[in-house]
């Protein structure tokens, strides 16, 4: 983690060559396929998605800048193809996801602790808090005037939703939190073993630090 406070770290992150750009293109394509086509439904309320894996691999191999670009470009292209229009708030959240994976996992640090830290941040900061906010703004999560929220929790959201504002429905928020509590441990296990597999690939296939 200390390397990120050095200028050399960021110079390496923003250095692009043909090989790195090609690898990013492959990961963008993988993210679109895995995130939007191959997700596995579990019951009627949960979906196990593999879309985070290419973004995590981009952060793991190429750093936070490339992870951010892969996530943002994949979200824009995937949305244009499958579910337009683009919600720019969600694009920013996906970019933050790639940034977090890169900050925690780069360069090629994929132990259990780092996998857990990265996915706890992604699941609860990006997928739960920020995505819920932007999906509610876009009308994809039901909203209310907040009167059914417990007073303590209502006070917590006042910086974002002032008195009288419409807030994400309490039931919707609870359901989304439960989904992340279930999905996070599964994603940690998947990420750990995928990064182990990536690390065992021949070095001439991954000509990155």
Protein backbone atom coordinates (compact mmCIF):
# COMPACT_ATOMS: atom_id res chain seq x y z
CA UNK A 1 0.00 0.00 0.00
CA UNK A 2 2.87 2.40 0.72
CA UNK A 3 3.91 2.43 -2.96
CA UNK A 4 0.79 4.39 -3.90
CA UNK A 5 2.24 7.45 -2.17
CA UNK A 6 5.20 7.51 -4.54
CA UNK A 7 5.25 9.34 -7.86
CA UNK A 8 6.82 6.32 -9.58
CA UNK A 9 3.76 4.24 -8.70
CA UNK A 10 1.39 6.60 -10.52
CA UNK A 11 3.76 7.09 -13.45
CA UNK A 12 3.68 3.34 -13.99
CA UNK A 13 -0.11 3.30 -13.65
CA UNK A 14 -0.60 5.90 -16.40
CA UNK A 15 2.00 4.45 -18.75
CA UNK A 16 0.15 2.85 -21.66
CA UNK A 17 1.56 0.67 -24.42
CA UNK A 18 0.00 -1.48 -27.12
CA UNK A 19 0.10 -4.65 -25.02
CA UNK A 20 -1.55 -3.01 -22.03
CA UNK A 21 -4.28 -1.47 -24.18
CA UNK A 22 -4.98 -4.85 -25.83
CA UNK A 23 -5.21 -6.54 -22.42
CA UNK A 24 -7.60 -3.83 -21.23
CA UNK A 25 -9.75 -4.41 -24.33
CA UNK A 26 -9.94 -8.13 -23.62
CA UNK A 27 -10.93 -7.46 -20.00
CA UNK A 28 -13.62 -4.98 -21.08
CA UNK A 29 -15.12 -7.62 -23.37
CA UNK A 30 -14.94 -10.23 -20.61
CA UNK A 31 -16.64 -7.92 -18.15
CA UNK A 32 -19.55 -7.29 -20.52
CA UNK A 33 -20.03 -11.02 -21.18
CA UNK A 34 -19.60 -12.18 -17.59
CA UNK A 35 -21.55 -9.32 -16.03
CA UNK A 36 -24.54 -9.24 -18.36
CA UNK A 37 -24.87 -12.69 -19.92
CA UNK A 38 -23.50 -15.38 -17.59
CA UNK A 39 -24.86 -14.21 -14.22
CA UNK A 40 -26.49 -17.05 -12.24
CA UNK A 41 -29.88 -16.36 -10.60
CA UNK A 42 -30.27 -17.73 -7.07
CA UNK A 43 -33.95 -17.78 -6.25
CA UNK A 44 -36.00 -14.76 -7.22
CA UNK A 45 -34.00 -12.07 -5.42
CA UNK A 46 -30.26 -12.80 -5.79
CA UNK A 47 -27.96 -13.03 -8.79
CA UNK A 48 -24.38 -14.30 -8.63
CA UNK A 49 -22.45 -12.18 -11.12
CA UNK A 50 -18.91 -12.73 -12.35
CA UNK A 51 -18.64 -9.25 -13.83
CA UNK A 52 -16.41 -7.94 -11.05
CA UNK A 53 -13.66 -10.48 -11.86
CA UNK A 54 -12.27 -8.83 -15.04
CA UNK A 55 -12.30 -5.46 -13.29
CA UNK A 56 -10.44 -6.95 -10.31
CA UNK A 57 -7.93 -8.61 -12.67
CA UNK A 58 -7.36 -5.25 -14.38
CA UNK A 59 -6.67 -3.62 -11.03
CA UNK A 60 -4.49 -6.55 -9.92
CA UNK A 61 -2.32 -6.59 -13.05
CA UNK A 62 -2.43 -3.03 -14.35
CA UNK A 63 -3.19 -0.79 -11.38
CA UNK A 64 -5.96 1.54 -10.24
CA UNK A 65 -6.05 3.78 -13.33
CA UNK A 66 -6.49 0.89 -15.75
CA UNK A 67 -8.93 -0.83 -13.41
CA UNK A 68 -10.99 2.35 -13.34
CA UNK A 69 -10.94 2.68 -17.14
CA UNK A 70 -11.85 -0.98 -17.73
CA UNK A 71 -14.80 -0.73 -15.34
CA UNK A 72 -16.11 2.56 -16.76
CA UNK A 73 -15.74 1.62 -20.44
CA UNK A 74 -17.30 -1.82 -19.89
CA UNK A 75 -20.27 -0.25 -18.10
CA UNK A 76 -20.83 2.32 -20.85
CA UNK A 77 -20.57 -0.22 -23.70
CA UNK A 78 -22.62 -2.86 -21.88
CA UNK A 79 -25.35 -0.36 -21.10
CA UNK A 80 -25.49 0.88 -24.70
CA UNK A 81 -25.83 -2.70 -25.98
CA UNK A 82 -28.17 -4.20 -23.37
CA UNK A 83 -29.96 -1.64 -21.17
CA UNK A 84 -29.78 1.97 -22.39
CA UNK A 85 -29.79 4.78 -21.38
CA UNK A 86 -26.51 5.35 -19.58
CA UNK A 87 -26.78 6.36 -15.90
CA UNK A 88 -23.64 8.39 -15.35
CA UNK A 89 -23.81 8.02 -11.59
CA UNK A 90 -23.49 4.25 -12.01
CA UNK A 91 -20.60 4.73 -14.43
CA UNK A 92 -18.79 6.72 -11.73
CA UNK A 93 -19.53 4.02 -9.16
CA UNK A 94 -18.12 1.35 -11.48
CA UNK A 95 -15.04 3.47 -12.07
CA UNK A 96 -14.62 3.74 -8.29
CA UNK A 97 -14.90 -0.06 -8.11
CA UNK A 98 -11.98 -0.46 -10.51
CA UNK A 99 -10.00 2.18 -8.62
CA UNK A 100 -10.52 0.37 -5.29
CA UNK A 101 -9.50 -3.00 -6.73
CA UNK A 102 -6.34 -1.43 -8.13
CA UNK A 103 -5.43 0.41 -4.93
CA UNK A 104 -5.80 -2.72 -2.81
CA UNK A 105 -4.54 -5.47 -5.17
CA UNK A 106 -1.86 -3.84 -7.33
CA UNK A 107 0.86 -4.84 -8.04
CA UNK A 108 -0.19 -8.51 -8.02
CA UNK A 109 -1.03 -8.76 -4.33
CA UNK A 110 -3.95 -11.15 -4.06
CA UNK A 111 -3.85 -12.78 -0.63
CA UNK A 112 -6.95 -13.50 1.43
CA UNK A 113 -6.72 -10.24 3.41
CA UNK A 114 -6.50 -8.03 0.32
CA UNK A 115 -9.31 -9.92 -1.40
CA UNK A 116 -11.51 -9.46 1.66
CA UNK A 117 -10.65 -5.77 2.08
CA UNK A 118 -11.24 -4.96 -1.59
CA UNK A 119 -14.57 -6.76 -1.77
CA UNK A 120 -15.90 -5.41 1.52
CA UNK A 121 -15.23 -1.91 0.19
CA UNK A 122 -16.74 -2.67 -3.22
CA UNK A 123 -19.80 -4.54 -1.91
CA UNK A 124 -20.80 -2.10 0.79
CA UNK A 125 -19.51 1.28 -0.40
CA UNK A 126 -20.06 0.90 -4.16
CA UNK A 127 -22.72 -1.80 -4.65
CA UNK A 128 -24.83 -1.05 -1.59
CA UNK A 129 -24.51 2.62 -0.63
CA UNK A 130 -23.71 4.41 -3.89
CA UNK A 131 -25.55 2.13 -6.33
CA UNK A 132 -28.69 2.26 -4.18
CA UNK A 133 -28.55 6.07 -4.24
CA UNK A 134 -28.14 6.37 -8.02
CA UNK A 135 -30.63 3.60 -8.81
CA UNK A 136 -33.20 5.38 -6.63
CA UNK A 137 -32.54 8.62 -8.49
CA UNK A 138 -33.05 6.79 -11.79
CA UNK A 139 -36.30 5.23 -10.59
CA UNK A 140 -35.03 1.65 -10.43
CA UNK A 141 -35.34 1.42 -6.63
CA UNK A 142 -38.61 2.38 -4.94
CA UNK A 143 -38.50 5.59 -2.90
CA UNK A 144 -40.59 7.12 -0.14
CA UNK A 145 -40.64 10.19 2.05
CA UNK A 146 -38.60 8.31 4.64
CA UNK A 147 -41.29 8.25 7.33
CA UNK A 148 -41.04 4.46 7.67
CA UNK A 149 -37.30 4.61 8.38
CA UNK A 150 -36.26 4.22 12.04
CA UNK A 151 -35.37 7.65 13.43
CA UNK A 152 -31.71 6.77 14.00
CA UNK A 153 -31.17 5.63 10.41
CA UNK A 154 -33.13 8.56 9.05
CA UNK A 155 -30.72 10.90 10.83
CA UNK A 156 -27.78 9.12 9.18
CA UNK A 157 -29.02 9.88 5.67
CA UNK A 158 -29.86 13.53 6.34
CA UNK A 159 -26.55 14.74 4.80
CA UNK A 160 -27.60 13.12 1.51
CA UNK A 161 -31.40 13.33 1.75
CA UNK A 162 -32.57 16.47 3.64
CA UNK A 163 -35.89 16.64 5.44
CA UNK A 164 -38.78 16.22 3.04
CA UNK A 165 -36.66 14.59 0.32
CA UNK A 166 -37.59 11.25 -1.22
CA UNK A 167 -35.26 8.49 -0.04
CA UNK A 168 -34.79 4.85 -1.13
CA UNK A 169 -37.54 2.71 0.37
CA UNK A 170 -36.60 1.01 3.63
CA UNK A 171 -37.58 -2.44 2.30
CA UNK A 172 -35.53 -1.94 -0.88
CA UNK A 173 -32.49 -0.86 1.11
CA UNK A 174 -32.78 -3.86 3.44
CA UNK A 175 -33.07 -6.27 0.52
CA UNK A 176 -30.02 -4.78 -1.18
CA UNK A 177 -28.01 -5.00 2.06
CA UNK A 178 -28.94 -8.68 2.51
CA UNK A 179 -27.88 -9.38 -1.08
CA UNK A 180 -24.44 -7.89 -0.44
CA UNK A 181 -24.05 -9.78 2.85
CA UNK A 182 -24.70 -13.03 0.96
CA UNK A 183 -22.71 -12.18 -2.18
CA UNK A 184 -19.59 -10.73 -0.53
CA UNK A 185 -18.19 -13.99 0.96
CA UNK A 186 -18.90 -15.86 -2.29
CA UNK A 187 -17.14 -13.16 -4.29
CA UNK A 188 -14.12 -13.21 -1.96
CA UNK A 189 -13.63 -16.94 -2.55
CA UNK A 190 -14.04 -16.57 -6.33
CA UNK A 191 -11.64 -13.63 -6.47
CA UNK A 192 -8.94 -15.37 -4.44
CA UNK A 193 -8.86 -18.48 -6.61
CA UNK A 194 -9.13 -16.55 -9.88
CA UNK A 195 -6.16 -14.37 -8.91
CA UNK A 196 -4.21 -17.50 -7.97
CA UNK A 197 -4.96 -18.90 -11.41
CA UNK A 198 -3.89 -15.64 -13.07
CA UNK A 199 -0.63 -15.74 -11.13
CA UNK A 200 0.13 -19.21 -12.48
CA UNK A 201 -0.21 -18.14 -16.10
CA UNK A 202 3.05 -18.13 -18.13
CA UNK A 203 4.95 -14.90 -17.60
CA UNK A 204 5.25 -14.26 -21.34
CA UNK A 205 1.44 -14.06 -21.50
CA UNK A 206 1.26 -11.31 -18.90
CA UNK A 207 4.06 -8.90 -19.65
CA UNK A 208 3.07 -6.58 -16.86
CA UNK A 209 4.58 -5.90 -13.45
